[in-house]
Amino acid sequence: MWFFRRKGPSGFSSSSTAEEVTDGIDGTGLTAIVTGASNGIGSETARVLALRGVHVIMGVRNLEAGRNVTETIVKENPSAKIDAMELDLSSTASVRKFASDYQSSGFPLNILINNAGIMATPFGLSKDNIELQFATNHVGHFLLTNLLLENMKKTAAESKKEGRIVNVSSEAHRYTYPEGIRFDGINDESRYNKMQAYGQSKLSNVLHANELTRRFKEEGLNITANSLHPGIIATNLFRHLNYGNVVESVWQPILRLSLRIGIVNTVGKLMFKNVQQGAATTCYVALHPQVKGVSGEYFLNSNLHKASQHGQDVDLAKKLWDFTTNLLK
């Protein structure tokens, strides 16, 4: 229906693809990291960035799967510059090793796309004894970003090109615990709700980008940080129930109802995105000239959108920063 595809101020809509939003953009000379790039919108993001000339380093938990993706991309685009490096966001040891190896490689860093995630998992703790969704979706990316910041600062200063940090969040950030972030019960299994815990981790992605923005402005850095909702992806809806950024928990009742009455295909065509559309907003925020100088914002369908009240809370963002920093000590 027309209102699902109506273009916003950017000239793009929910039906725009990653290739369309980056059409004509030359990313030659830029280097980007994309976490969780071995499948779904992560692999499509990596493919399209490489298509535009960006050197892409894929941070992947399964190195063999990552190498398969790189081979597929290079087969389609022989000039693509793309590498895969092992990265498990649920393990701070893995994050530190990735960052150390990356620094040793001598690669610059223009763009960091924090895309990887898990969704609505049963209660569990990471190797560092942090609730698994919070650890993977937020803490791992928080640490990775901090460890790579000096590289980004140096790259931005030497290249005279704006650095960009892109946090792939979700509209599920609106459906968190009542207090936003449950600081006093992150690891409390008795109070754990897998959907709200997912929302909490996605809210953390938004707040992380906002607090980075505040700090960058104080330092006068030529680096931006934004967050976004990629959309609800129509491909393999139920098979990917536990993979972040693929199916949003708030839509599960609608999906189940649609299946029962036999209209999921019709509804899907109207409301859900394919992978090419799902990667569009990420690629737009990472590469498009319209986003130059824009920071601390939340995007939906390649257009500016308002985050939740919690997502705009400056004090909550500062508190989350301090809380996460202490967790990592």
Protein backbone atom coordinates (compact mmCIF):
# COMPACT_ATOMS: atom_id res chain seq x y z
CA MET A 1 0.00 0.00 0.00
CA TRP A 2 1.21 3.51 -0.80
CA PHE A 3 1.63 4.74 2.78
CA PHE A 4 4.16 2.00 3.56
CA ARG A 5 6.36 3.26 0.73
CA ARG A 6 5.89 7.01 1.07
CA LYS A 7 9.24 8.77 0.88
CA GLY A 8 10.44 10.86 3.80
CA PRO A 9 12.51 14.07 3.71
CA SER A 10 15.64 12.08 2.81
CA GLY A 11 14.00 10.92 -0.41
CA PHE A 12 13.90 7.31 0.82
CA SER A 13 11.25 5.08 2.34
CA SER A 14 10.77 1.72 4.04
CA SER A 15 10.97 0.02 0.64
CA SER A 16 14.33 1.58 -0.30
CA THR A 17 17.21 -0.89 -0.52
CA ALA A 18 20.79 -0.54 0.70
CA GLU A 19 21.98 -0.26 -2.90
CA GLU A 20 19.43 2.48 -3.63
CA VAL A 21 20.33 4.65 -0.62
CA THR A 22 24.04 4.47 -1.50
CA ASP A 23 23.67 4.84 -5.26
CA GLY A 24 26.39 7.11 -6.66
CA ILE A 25 28.34 7.29 -3.38
CA ASP A 26 32.05 6.57 -3.64
CA GLY A 27 33.43 5.01 -0.47
CA THR A 28 36.91 4.41 -1.86
CA GLY A 29 39.56 5.04 0.78
CA LEU A 30 37.20 4.38 3.70
CA THR A 31 37.58 1.45 6.11
CA ALA A 32 34.65 0.02 8.03
CA ILE A 33 34.04 -2.65 10.65
CA VAL A 34 30.67 -4.42 10.58
CA THR A 35 29.92 -6.72 13.51
CA GLY A 36 27.65 -9.71 13.03
CA ALA A 37 28.26 -9.71 9.29
CA SER A 38 28.11 -13.44 8.59
CA ASN A 39 24.39 -13.41 7.77
CA GLY A 40 21.22 -11.33 7.51
CA ILE A 41 21.39 -7.57 7.30
CA GLY A 42 24.98 -7.64 8.53
CA SER A 43 26.22 -9.51 5.48
CA GLU A 44 24.12 -7.31 3.18
CA THR A 45 25.57 -4.20 4.83
CA ALA A 46 29.08 -5.55 4.26
CA ARG A 47 28.29 -6.42 0.65
CA VAL A 48 26.90 -3.01 -0.24
CA LEU A 49 29.65 -1.06 1.53
CA ALA A 50 32.22 -3.14 -0.38
CA LEU A 51 30.28 -2.48 -3.58
CA ARG A 52 30.75 1.25 -2.94
CA GLY A 53 34.51 0.83 -2.56
CA VAL A 54 34.77 0.65 1.24
CA HIS A 55 37.31 -1.75 2.73
CA VAL A 56 35.11 -3.85 5.03
CA ILE A 57 36.30 -5.89 7.99
CA MET A 58 33.61 -8.29 9.14
CA GLY A 59 33.60 -9.10 12.85
CA VAL A 60 32.06 -12.58 13.04
CA ARG A 61 31.57 -15.19 15.73
CA ASN A 62 31.83 -18.04 13.22
CA LEU A 63 34.96 -17.45 11.18
CA GLU A 64 34.16 -20.15 8.62
CA ALA A 65 30.74 -18.60 7.94
CA GLY A 66 32.42 -15.20 7.65
CA ARG A 67 34.90 -16.51 5.11
CA ASN A 68 32.06 -18.01 3.08
CA VAL A 69 30.40 -14.60 2.97
CA THR A 70 33.61 -12.90 1.87
CA GLU A 71 34.06 -15.46 -0.91
CA THR A 72 30.51 -14.90 -2.12
CA ILE A 73 30.96 -11.12 -2.11
CA VAL A 74 34.29 -11.27 -3.96
CA LYS A 75 32.84 -13.69 -6.52
CA GLU A 76 30.11 -11.15 -7.26
CA ASN A 77 32.45 -8.15 -7.02
CA PRO A 78 36.08 -9.11 -7.74
CA SER A 79 37.34 -5.65 -6.77
CA ALA A 80 35.79 -5.88 -3.29
CA LYS A 81 38.11 -5.31 -0.34
CA ILE A 82 36.72 -7.44 2.43
CA ASP A 83 38.15 -9.46 5.33
CA ALA A 84 36.73 -11.51 8.19
CA MET A 85 38.03 -11.51 11.76
CA GLU A 86 36.75 -13.54 14.70
CA LEU A 87 34.66 -11.62 17.23
CA ASP A 88 32.33 -12.86 19.96
CA LEU A 89 30.58 -9.84 21.46
CA SER A 90 29.46 -11.86 24.50
CA SER A 91 33.09 -12.31 25.59
CA THR A 92 35.19 -9.33 26.68
CA ALA A 93 38.32 -11.43 26.09
CA SER A 94 37.27 -11.96 22.45
CA VAL A 95 36.47 -8.25 22.05
CA ARG A 96 39.86 -7.27 23.44
CA LYS A 97 41.66 -9.75 21.17
CA PHE A 98 39.77 -8.49 18.12
CA ALA A 99 40.63 -4.88 18.94
CA SER A 100 44.28 -5.77 19.57
CA ASP A 101 44.55 -7.72 16.32
CA TYR A 102 42.85 -4.90 14.45
CA GLN A 103 45.26 -2.33 15.82
CA SER A 104 48.20 -4.58 14.92
CA SER A 105 46.92 -4.84 11.35
CA GLY A 106 47.60 -1.15 10.81
CA PHE A 107 44.14 -0.60 9.31
CA PRO A 108 42.59 2.86 9.79
CA LEU A 109 38.95 3.09 10.90
CA ASN A 110 36.42 5.48 9.40
CA ILE A 111 33.17 3.65 10.13
CA LEU A 112 32.19 1.34 12.99
CA ILE A 113 28.86 -0.45 12.59
CA ASN A 114 27.73 -2.15 15.81
CA ASN A 115 25.24 -4.52 14.23
CA ALA A 116 25.55 -7.93 15.92
CA GLY A 117 22.99 -9.04 18.44
CA ILE A 118 20.85 -11.75 20.00
CA MET A 119 17.17 -11.55 20.77
CA ALA A 120 14.77 -12.73 23.46
CA THR A 121 16.97 -15.53 24.77
CA PRO A 122 16.21 -17.50 27.95
CA PHE A 123 18.05 -16.16 30.99
CA GLY A 124 21.76 -16.83 30.85
CA LEU A 125 25.07 -15.28 31.82
CA SER A 126 28.01 -14.49 29.57
CA LYS A 127 31.54 -15.75 30.25
CA ASP A 128 31.98 -12.51 32.20
CA ASN A 129 28.88 -13.22 34.33
CA ILE A 130 26.70 -10.53 32.74
CA GLU A 131 23.14 -11.20 31.54
CA LEU A 132 23.61 -12.49 28.01
CA GLN A 133 21.49 -10.04 25.98
CA PHE A 134 22.88 -7.01 27.81
CA ALA A 135 26.40 -8.41 27.51
CA THR A 136 26.19 -9.16 23.78
CA ASN A 137 24.06 -6.33 22.48
CA HIS A 138 25.44 -3.52 24.63
CA VAL A 139 28.51 -4.28 26.76
CA GLY A 140 30.47 -5.96 23.96
CA HIS A 141 29.84 -3.09 21.57
CA PHE A 142 30.54 -0.50 24.28
CA LEU A 143 33.94 -2.09 24.95
CA LEU A 144 34.74 -2.54 21.25
CA THR A 145 33.94 1.10 20.54
CA ASN A 146 36.08 2.34 23.42
CA LEU A 147 39.02 0.17 22.39
CA LEU A 148 38.89 1.43 18.80
CA LEU A 149 38.22 5.12 19.54
CA GLU A 150 41.83 6.23 19.40
CA ASN A 151 42.14 4.67 15.95
CA MET A 152 38.98 6.49 14.82
CA LYS A 153 40.22 9.79 16.23
CA LYS A 154 43.56 9.40 14.45
CA THR A 155 41.92 8.36 11.19
CA ALA A 156 39.49 11.30 11.26
CA ALA A 157 42.28 13.76 12.02
CA GLU A 158 44.68 12.47 9.37
CA SER A 159 42.12 11.86 6.61
CA LYS A 160 40.07 15.00 7.30
CA LYS A 161 37.04 12.75 6.85
CA GLU A 162 34.24 12.41 9.38
CA GLY A 163 34.26 9.20 11.40
CA ARG A 164 30.89 7.53 11.92
CA ILE A 165 29.69 5.12 14.59
CA VAL A 166 26.40 3.39 13.82
CA ASN A 167 24.52 1.44 16.50
CA VAL A 168 21.88 -0.88 15.10
CA SER A 169 19.15 -0.68 17.73
CA SER A 170 15.44 -1.48 17.37
CA GLU A 171 11.98 -0.07 17.90
CA ALA A 172 11.90 -2.65 20.68
CA HIS A 173 13.88 -0.08 22.71
CA ARG A 174 10.44 1.36 23.52
CA TYR A 175 9.39 -1.89 25.23
CA THR A 176 11.91 -2.18 28.02
CA TYR A 177 11.50 -2.34 31.81
CA PRO A 178 9.50 0.58 33.29
CA GLU A 179 12.66 2.24 34.64
CA GLY A 180 14.40 1.93 31.27
CA ILE A 181 17.58 0.23 32.44
CA ARG A 182 17.29 -2.09 35.43
CA PHE A 183 20.65 -1.21 36.93
CA ASP A 184 19.89 -2.96 40.22
CA GLY A 185 18.83 -6.22 38.57
CA ILE A 186 20.78 -6.81 35.36
CA ASN A 187 21.67 -10.33 36.53
CA ASP A 188 18.54 -11.03 38.58
CA GLU A 189 16.95 -14.15 37.07
CA SER A 190 13.84 -13.85 39.27
CA ARG A 191 12.98 -10.48 37.65
CA TYR A 192 14.07 -11.40 34.14
CA ASN A 193 11.71 -10.96 31.20
CA LYS A 194 13.35 -11.98 27.92
CA MET A 195 11.43 -9.47 25.79
CA GLN A 196 11.96 -6.53 28.16
CA ALA A 197 15.61 -7.52 28.57
CA TYR A 198 15.95 -7.35 24.80
CA GLY A 199 14.30 -3.90 24.82
CA GLN A 200 16.68 -2.85 27.60
CA SER A 201 19.71 -3.86 25.52
CA LYS A 202 18.39 -2.03 22.46
CA LEU A 203 17.65 1.08 24.54
CA SER A 204 21.26 0.85 25.68
CA ASN A 205 22.37 1.05 22.03
CA VAL A 206 20.47 4.32 21.64
CA LEU A 207 21.79 5.80 24.89
CA HIS A 208 25.34 4.72 24.07
CA ALA A 209 25.26 6.63 20.77
CA ASN A 210 23.80 9.68 22.51
CA GLU A 211 26.44 9.75 25.23
CA LEU A 212 29.20 9.25 22.66
CA THR A 213 27.84 12.29 20.84
CA ARG A 214 27.92 14.42 23.99
CA ARG A 215 31.53 13.43 24.65
CA PHE A 216 32.62 13.94 21.04
CA LYS A 217 31.18 17.44 21.03
CA GLU A 218 33.00 18.27 24.26
CA GLU A 219 36.28 17.12 22.68
CA GLY A 220 35.56 18.78 19.34
CA LEU A 221 36.02 15.51 17.46
CA ASN A 222 35.09 14.95 13.84
CA ILE A 223 33.21 11.75 14.70
CA THR A 224 29.45 11.17 14.85
CA ALA A 225 27.39 8.50 16.59
CA ASN A 226 23.82 7.56 15.74
CA SER A 227 21.38 4.71 16.31
CA LEU A 228 18.65 3.20 14.16
CA HIS A 229 15.89 0.67 13.70
CA PRO A 230 16.54 -1.51 10.63
CA GLY A 231 12.96 -2.69 10.22
CA ILE A 232 11.18 -5.99 10.56
CA ILE A 233 12.73 -8.43 8.14
CA ALA A 234 10.36 -10.68 6.18
CA THR A 235 12.90 -13.33 5.24
CA ASN A 236 13.08 -16.46 7.46
CA LEU A 237 10.91 -14.80 10.10
CA PHE A 238 10.65 -17.66 12.53
CA ARG A 239 13.94 -19.41 11.88
CA HIS A 240 15.76 -16.27 13.05
CA LEU A 241 13.66 -15.65 16.15
CA ASN A 242 16.77 -15.59 18.35
CA TYR A 243 18.88 -13.38 16.07
CA GLY A 244 18.84 -9.67 16.82
CA ASN A 245 17.66 -7.16 14.21
CA VAL A 246 15.67 -9.78 12.28
CA VAL A 247 12.32 -10.14 14.00
CA GLU A 248 11.17 -7.60 16.56
CA SER A 249 9.48 -9.04 19.63
CA VAL A 250 6.69 -6.48 19.68
CA TRP A 251 5.39 -7.90 16.41
CA GLN A 252 5.26 -11.56 17.45
CA PRO A 253 1.53 -11.55 18.35
CA ILE A 254 0.73 -10.01 14.95
CA LEU A 255 2.86 -12.59 13.17
CA ARG A 256 1.20 -15.48 14.98
CA LEU A 257 -2.27 -14.13 14.23
CA SER A 258 -1.34 -13.63 10.59
CA LEU A 259 -0.25 -17.24 10.34
CA ARG A 260 -3.45 -18.49 11.91
CA ILE A 261 -5.68 -16.66 9.44
CA GLY A 262 -3.47 -17.37 6.46
CA ILE A 263 -2.52 -13.82 5.46
CA VAL A 264 1.14 -13.68 6.48
CA ASN A 265 2.32 -13.37 2.87
CA THR A 266 0.00 -10.45 2.18
CA VAL A 267 0.81 -8.72 5.45
CA GLY A 268 4.50 -9.40 4.95
CA LYS A 269 4.57 -7.67 1.59
CA LEU A 270 2.99 -4.60 3.14
CA MET A 271 4.72 -4.35 6.50
CA PHE A 272 7.93 -6.37 6.51
CA LYS A 273 11.24 -5.84 4.74
CA ASN A 274 13.54 -8.12 2.83
CA VAL A 275 17.23 -8.19 3.73
CA GLN A 276 18.13 -5.64 1.05
CA GLN A 277 15.64 -3.17 2.54
CA GLY A 278 16.62 -4.11 6.10
CA ALA A 279 20.23 -3.04 5.54
CA ALA A 280 19.25 0.28 3.93
CA THR A 281 19.07 2.51 7.00
CA THR A 282 22.42 1.22 8.29
CA CYS A 283 24.11 1.93 4.95
CA TYR A 284 22.39 5.31 4.72
CA VAL A 285 23.60 6.44 8.15
CA ALA A 286 27.08 5.03 7.51
CA LEU A 287 27.69 6.56 4.08
CA HIS A 288 25.19 9.15 2.88
CA PRO A 289 26.28 12.81 2.61
CA GLN A 290 22.91 13.90 4.05
CA VAL A 291 24.01 12.50 7.42
CA LYS A 292 27.25 14.47 7.55
CA GLY A 293 27.51 16.30 10.86
CA VAL A 294 24.37 14.64 12.21
CA SER A 295 24.97 12.98 15.58
CA GLY A 296 23.01 11.69 18.55
CA GLU A 297 19.98 10.97 16.40
CA TYR A 298 17.75 7.95 15.84
CA PHE A 299 16.82 6.81 12.33
CA LEU A 300 14.00 4.76 10.87
CA ASN A 301 13.50 3.97 7.16
CA SER A 302 16.54 6.12 6.26
CA ASN A 303 14.93 9.17 7.84
CA LEU A 304 15.23 10.93 11.19
CA HIS A 305 12.83 9.62 13.81
CA LYS A 306 12.26 10.26 17.50
CA ALA A 307 13.52 7.75 20.02
CA SER A 308 11.47 6.97 23.13
CA GLN A 309 11.50 9.26 26.16
CA HIS A 310 14.01 6.95 27.81
CA GLY A 311 16.03 7.07 24.61
CA GLN A 312 16.28 10.86 24.89
CA ASP A 313 17.18 10.90 28.60
CA VAL A 314 20.60 12.56 28.96
CA ASP A 315 21.00 11.58 32.62
CA LEU A 316 20.09 7.96 31.89
CA ALA A 317 22.72 7.89 29.14
CA LYS A 318 25.39 9.18 31.52
CA LYS A 319 24.35 6.70 34.20
CA LEU A 320 24.52 3.83 31.71
CA TRP A 321 28.00 4.90 30.63
CA ASP A 322 29.28 4.91 34.22
CA PHE A 323 27.51 1.64 35.02
CA THR A 324 28.99 -0.12 31.99
CA THR A 325 32.44 1.27 32.67
CA ASN A 326 32.29 -0.15 36.21
CA LEU A 327 31.08 -3.52 34.91
CA LEU A 328 34.17 -3.73 32.74
CA LYS A 329 36.65 -2.97 35.52
